[in-house]
C-alpha cells in the first residue's frame, strides 16, 4: 500500500547521520540533564529532611 521506507530503515539512516558521541558527555539533551540532576537533588534533600524529622521525634 505505502511504498516508503520502514521505521527501522528511517531510524538507521537518522542515526548514521549523527556525529559520534563525545567521550565524557553523557547528556546531549540539556533538559534531560536538568531533570536528572533535579531528581537526584530532590531525593537527597528528601532523605535528609526525613532523617531530621525522625530524629526530632526521638525515634532513632
PDB file of N, CA and C in Angstrom:
ATOM      1  N   UNK A   1       0.839  -1.191   0.000  1.00  0.00           N
ATOM      2  CA  UNK A   1       0.000   0.000   0.000  1.00  0.00           C
ATOM      3  C   UNK A   1       0.884   1.256   0.000  1.00  0.00           C
ATOM      4  N   UNK A   2       1.703   1.395   1.038  1.00  0.00           N
ATOM      5  CA  UNK A   2       2.638   2.518   1.085  1.00  0.00           C
ATOM      6  C   UNK A   2       4.007   2.002   0.689  1.00  0.00           C
ATOM      7  N   UNK A   3       4.704   2.767  -0.146  1.00  0.00           N
ATOM      8  CA  UNK A   3       5.992   2.305  -0.644  1.00  0.00           C
ATOM      9  C   UNK A   3       7.150   3.077  -0.029  1.00  0.00           C
ATOM     10  N   UNK A   4       6.940   3.578   1.174  1.00  0.00           N
ATOM     11  CA  UNK A   4       8.011   4.304   1.849  1.00  0.00           C
ATOM     12  C   UNK A   4       8.914   3.348   2.602  1.00  0.00           C
ATOM     13  N   UNK A   5       9.925   3.912   3.219  1.00  0.00           N
ATOM     14  CA  UNK A   5      10.862   3.110   3.993  1.00  0.00           C
ATOM     15  C   UNK A   5      10.214   2.710   5.319  1.00  0.00           C
ATOM     16  N   UNK A   6      10.653   1.582   5.842  1.00  0.00           N
ATOM     17  CA  UNK A   6      10.130   1.141   7.137  1.00  0.00           C
ATOM     18  C   UNK A   6      10.707   2.028   8.238  1.00  0.00           C
ATOM     19  N   UNK A   7      10.077   1.954   9.387  1.00  0.00           N
ATOM     20  CA  UNK A   7      10.530   2.784  10.511  1.00  0.00           C
ATOM     21  C   UNK A   7      11.958   2.425  10.911  1.00  0.00           C
ATOM     22  N   UNK A   8      12.303   1.142  10.821  1.00  0.00           N
ATOM     23  CA  UNK A   8      13.662   0.721  11.171  1.00  0.00           C
ATOM     24  C   UNK A   8      14.690   1.328  10.228  1.00  0.00           C
ATOM     25  N   UNK A   9      14.360   1.372   8.939  1.00  0.00           N
ATOM     26  CA  UNK A   9      15.290   1.961   7.964  1.00  0.00           C
ATOM     27  C   UNK A   9      15.449   3.455   8.191  1.00  0.00           C
ATOM     28  N   UNK A  10      14.359   4.137   8.513  1.00  0.00           N
ATOM     29  CA  UNK A  10      14.454   5.582   8.754  1.00  0.00           C
ATOM     30  C   UNK A  10      15.267   5.883  10.012  1.00  0.00           C
ATOM     31  N   UNK A  11      15.079   5.071  11.058  1.00  0.00           N
ATOM     32  CA  UNK A  11      15.857   5.266  12.292  1.00  0.00           C
ATOM     33  C   UNK A  11      17.331   5.019  12.018  1.00  0.00           C
ATOM     34  N   UNK A  12      17.651   3.955  11.283  1.00  0.00           N
ATOM     35  CA  UNK A  12      19.051   3.633  10.967  1.00  0.00           C
ATOM     36  C   UNK A  12      19.702   4.766  10.175  1.00  0.00           C
ATOM     37  N   UNK A  13      18.994   5.331   9.213  1.00  0.00           N
ATOM     38  CA  UNK A  13      19.549   6.441   8.437  1.00  0.00           C
ATOM     39  C   UNK A  13      19.785   7.672   9.309  1.00  0.00           C
ATOM     40  N   UNK A  14      18.848   7.943  10.187  1.00  0.00           N
ATOM     41  CA  UNK A  14      18.980   9.115  11.053  1.00  0.00           C
ATOM     42  C   UNK A  14      20.155   8.946  12.011  1.00  0.00           C
ATOM     43  N   UNK A  15      20.325   7.743  12.566  1.00  0.00           N
ATOM     44  CA  UNK A  15      21.446   7.505  13.473  1.00  0.00           C
ATOM     45  C   UNK A  15      22.779   7.553  12.738  1.00  0.00           C
ATOM     46  N   UNK A  16      22.788   7.117  11.477  1.00  0.00           N
ATOM     47  CA  UNK A  16      24.031   7.151  10.703  1.00  0.00           C
ATOM     48  C   UNK A  16      24.468   8.586  10.424  1.00  0.00           C
ATOM     49  N   UNK A  17      23.530   9.526  10.369  1.00  0.00           N
ATOM     50  CA  UNK A  17      23.862  10.927  10.088  1.00  0.00           C
ATOM     51  C   UNK A  17      24.347  11.670  11.332  1.00  0.00           C
ATOM     52  N   UNK A  18      24.098  11.102  12.512  1.00  0.00           N
ATOM     53  CA  UNK A  18      24.513  11.774  13.744  1.00  0.00           C
ATOM     54  C   UNK A  18      26.015  11.660  13.942  1.00  0.00           C
ATOM     55  N   UNK A  19      26.635  12.687  14.509  1.00  0.00           N
ATOM     56  CA  UNK A  19      28.074  12.589  14.794  1.00  0.00           C
ATOM     57  C   UNK A  19      28.298  11.620  15.958  1.00  0.00           C
ATOM     58  N   UNK A  20      29.482  11.062  16.068  1.00  0.00           N
ATOM     59  CA  UNK A  20      29.758  10.150  17.183  1.00  0.00           C
ATOM     60  C   UNK A  20      29.695  10.894  18.519  1.00  0.00           C
ATOM     61  N   UNK A  21      29.330  10.165  19.562  1.00  0.00           N
ATOM     62  CA  UNK A  21      29.239  10.766  20.885  1.00  0.00           C
ATOM     63  C   UNK A  21      30.621  11.154  21.383  1.00  0.00           C
ATOM     64  N   UNK A  22      30.693  12.268  22.087  1.00  0.00           N
ATOM     65  CA  UNK A  22      31.954  12.716  22.659  1.00  0.00           C
ATOM     66  C   UNK A  22      32.165  11.993  23.985  1.00  0.00           C
ATOM     67  N   UNK A  23      33.395  11.592  24.229  1.00  0.00           N
ATOM     68  CA  UNK A  23      33.711  10.864  25.444  1.00  0.00           C
ATOM     69  C   UNK A  23      33.528  11.769  26.663  1.00  0.00           C
ATOM     70  N   UNK A  24      32.860  11.254  27.686  1.00  0.00           N
ATOM     71  CA  UNK A  24      32.629  12.004  28.908  1.00  0.00           C
ATOM     72  C   UNK A  24      31.408  12.897  28.859  1.00  0.00           C
ATOM     73  N   UNK A  25      30.687  12.886  27.749  1.00  0.00           N
ATOM     74  CA  UNK A  25      29.490  13.709  27.639  1.00  0.00           C
ATOM     75  C   UNK A  25      28.302  12.771  27.486  1.00  0.00           C
ATOM     76  N   UNK A  26      27.597  12.530  28.580  1.00  0.00           N
ATOM     77  CA  UNK A  26      26.530  11.535  28.573  1.00  0.00           C
ATOM     78  C   UNK A  26      25.175  12.138  28.248  1.00  0.00           C
ATOM     79  N   UNK A  27      24.987  13.417  28.529  1.00  0.00           N
ATOM     80  CA  UNK A  27      23.697  14.054  28.293  1.00  0.00           C
ATOM     81  C   UNK A  27      23.841  15.089  27.190  1.00  0.00           C
ATOM     82  N   UNK A  28      23.437  14.744  25.986  1.00  0.00           N
ATOM     83  CA  UNK A  28      23.476  15.731  24.914  1.00  0.00           C
ATOM     84  C   UNK A  28      22.228  16.591  24.941  1.00  0.00           C
ATOM     85  N   UNK A  29      21.207  16.130  25.624  1.00  0.00           N
ATOM     86  CA  UNK A  29      19.943  16.858  25.662  1.00  0.00           C
ATOM     87  C   UNK A  29      19.899  17.645  26.969  1.00  0.00           C
ATOM     88  N   UNK A  30      19.959  18.962  26.893  1.00  0.00           N
ATOM     89  CA  UNK A  30      20.036  19.816  28.079  1.00  0.00           C
ATOM     90  C   UNK A  30      18.926  19.603  29.081  1.00  0.00           C
ATOM     91  N   UNK A  31      17.651  19.589  28.664  1.00  0.00           N
ATOM     92  CA  UNK A  31      16.569  19.370  29.633  1.00  0.00           C
ATOM     93  C   UNK A  31      16.655  18.015  30.325  1.00  0.00           C
ATOM     94  N   UNK A  32      17.157  16.989  29.646  1.00  0.00           N
ATOM     95  CA  UNK A  32      17.295  15.678  30.281  1.00  0.00           C
ATOM     96  C   UNK A  32      18.306  15.757  31.424  1.00  0.00           C
ATOM     97  N   UNK A  33      19.379  16.496  31.208  1.00  0.00           N
ATOM     98  CA  UNK A  33      20.386  16.655  32.257  1.00  0.00           C
ATOM     99  C   UNK A  33      19.785  17.415  33.440  1.00  0.00           C
ATOM    100  N   UNK A  34      19.010  18.460  33.154  1.00  0.00           N
ATOM    101  CA  UNK A  34      18.375  19.238  34.212  1.00  0.00           C
ATOM    102  C   UNK A  34      17.429  18.374  35.039  1.00  0.00           C
ATOM    103  N   UNK A  35      16.601  17.578  34.371  1.00  0.00           N
ATOM    104  CA  UNK A  35      15.642  16.713  35.080  1.00  0.00           C
ATOM    105  C   UNK A  35      16.382  15.686  35.919  1.00  0.00           C
ATOM    106  N   UNK A  36      17.434  15.088  35.378  1.00  0.00           N
ATOM    107  CA  UNK A  36      18.211  14.093  36.106  1.00  0.00           C
ATOM    108  C   UNK A  36      18.814  14.687  37.383  1.00  0.00           C
ATOM    109  N   UNK A  37      19.456  15.827  37.251  1.00  0.00           N
ATOM    110  CA  UNK A  37      20.078  16.472  38.414  1.00  0.00           C
ATOM    111  C   UNK A  37      19.007  16.882  39.423  1.00  0.00           C
ATOM    112  N   UNK A  38      17.869  17.406  38.962  1.00  0.00           N
ATOM    113  CA  UNK A  38      16.791  17.812  39.856  1.00  0.00           C
ATOM    114  C   UNK A  38      16.276  16.626  40.662  1.00  0.00           C
ATOM    115  N   UNK A  39      16.078  15.485  40.015  1.00  0.00           N
ATOM    116  CA  UNK A  39      15.561  14.309  40.728  1.00  0.00           C
ATOM    117  C   UNK A  39      16.562  13.826  41.769  1.00  0.00           C
ATOM    118  N   UNK A  40      17.838  13.780  41.417  1.00  0.00           N
ATOM    119  CA  UNK A  40      18.857  13.344  42.378  1.00  0.00           C
ATOM    120  C   UNK A  40      18.885  14.275  43.583  1.00  0.00           C
ATOM    121  N   UNK A  41      18.889  15.586  43.350  1.00  0.00           N
ATOM    122  CA  UNK A  41      18.922  16.558  44.448  1.00  0.00           C
ATOM    123  C   UNK A  41      17.656  16.441  45.298  1.00  0.00           C
ATOM    124  N   UNK A  42      16.498  16.284  44.648  1.00  0.00           N
ATOM    125  CA  UNK A  42      15.229  16.157  45.370  1.00  0.00           C
ATOM    126  C   UNK A  42      15.229  14.932  46.283  1.00  0.00           C
ATOM    127  N   UNK A  43      15.737  13.815  45.807  1.00  0.00           N
ATOM    128  CA  UNK A  43      15.779  12.591  46.609  1.00  0.00           C
ATOM    129  C   UNK A  43      16.723  12.758  47.800  1.00  0.00           C
ATOM    130  N   UNK A  44      17.885  13.355  47.569  1.00  0.00           N
ATOM    131  CA  UNK A  44      18.846  13.541  48.658  1.00  0.00           C
ATOM    132  C   UNK A  44      18.269  14.472  49.725  1.00  0.00           C
ATOM    133  N   UNK A  45      17.682  15.585  49.314  1.00  0.00           N
ATOM    134  CA  UNK A  45      17.099  16.523  50.280  1.00  0.00           C
ATOM    135  C   UNK A  45      15.934  15.868  51.012  1.00  0.00           C
ATOM    136  N   UNK A  46      15.128  15.073  50.308  1.00  0.00           N
ATOM    137  CA  UNK A  46      14.017  14.373  50.949  1.00  0.00           C
ATOM    138  C   UNK A  46      14.493  13.398  52.001  1.00  0.00           C
ATOM    139  N   UNK A  47      15.557  12.678  51.731  1.00  0.00           N
ATOM    140  CA  UNK A  47      16.091  11.742  52.722  1.00  0.00           C
ATOM    141  C   UNK A  47      16.636  12.476  53.946  1.00  0.00           C
ATOM    142  N   UNK A  48      17.341  13.557  53.713  1.00  0.00           N
ATOM    143  CA  UNK A  48      17.887  14.322  54.843  1.00  0.00           C
ATOM    144  C   UNK A  48      16.754  14.910  55.677  1.00  0.00           C
ATOM    145  N   UNK A  49      15.726  15.460  55.032  1.00  0.00           N
ATOM    146  CA  UNK A  49      14.586  16.033  55.758  1.00  0.00           C
ATOM    147  C   UNK A  49      13.867  14.955  56.555  1.00  0.00           C
ATOM    148  N   UNK A  50      13.672  13.785  55.960  1.00  0.00           N
ATOM    149  CA  UNK A  50      13.022  12.686  56.677  1.00  0.00           C
ATOM    150  C   UNK A  50      13.832  12.235  57.872  1.00  0.00           C
ATOM    151  N   UNK A  51      15.134  12.146  57.700  1.00  0.00           N
ATOM    152  CA  UNK A  51      16.006  11.754  58.807  1.00  0.00           C
ATOM    153  C   UNK A  51      15.949  12.773  59.937  1.00  0.00           C
ATOM    154  N   UNK A  52      16.014  14.053  59.591  1.00  0.00           N
ATOM    155  CA  UNK A  52      15.943  15.093  60.625  1.00  0.00           C
ATOM    156  C   UNK A  52      14.586  15.083  61.328  1.00  0.00           C
ATOM    157  N   UNK A  53      13.517  14.832  60.577  1.00  0.00           N
ATOM    158  CA  UNK A  53      12.191  14.774  61.170  1.00  0.00           C
ATOM    159  C   UNK A  53      12.078  13.615  62.164  1.00  0.00           C
ATOM    160  N   UNK A  54      12.572  12.445  61.776  1.00  0.00           N
ATOM    161  CA  UNK A  54      12.519  11.296  62.679  1.00  0.00           C
ATOM    162  C   UNK A  54      13.396  11.505  63.905  1.00  0.00           C
ATOM    163  N   UNK A  55      14.533  12.154  63.710  1.00  0.00           N
ATOM    164  CA  UNK A  55      15.403  12.417  64.850  1.00  0.00           C
ATOM    165  C   UNK A  55      14.761  13.411  65.802  1.00  0.00           C
ATOM    166  N   UNK A  56      13.985  14.361  65.279  1.00  0.00           N
ATOM    167  CA  UNK A  56      13.337  15.327  66.150  1.00  0.00           C
ATOM    168  C   UNK A  56      12.227  14.689  66.979  1.00  0.00           C
ATOM    169  N   UNK A  57      11.667  13.582  66.466  1.00  0.00           N
ATOM    170  CA  UNK A  57      10.638  12.867  67.233  1.00  0.00           C
ATOM    171  C   UNK A  57      11.248  11.924  68.258  1.00  0.00           C
ATOM    172  N   UNK A  58      12.533  11.714  68.173  1.00  0.00           N
ATOM    173  CA  UNK A  58      13.196  10.834  69.109  1.00  0.00           C
ATOM    174  C   UNK A  58      13.043   9.362  68.736  1.00  0.00           C
ATOM    175  N   UNK A  59      12.813   9.072  67.469  1.00  0.00           N
ATOM    176  CA  UNK A  59      12.615   7.694  67.023  1.00  0.00           C
ATOM    177  C   UNK A  59      13.842   7.155  66.281  1.00  0.00           C
ATOM    178  N   UNK A  60      14.997   7.464  66.728  1.00  0.00           N
ATOM    179  CA  UNK A  60      16.202   6.973  66.054  1.00  0.00           C
ATOM    180  C   UNK A  60      16.553   5.663  66.610  1.00  0.00           C
TER     181      UNK A  60
END
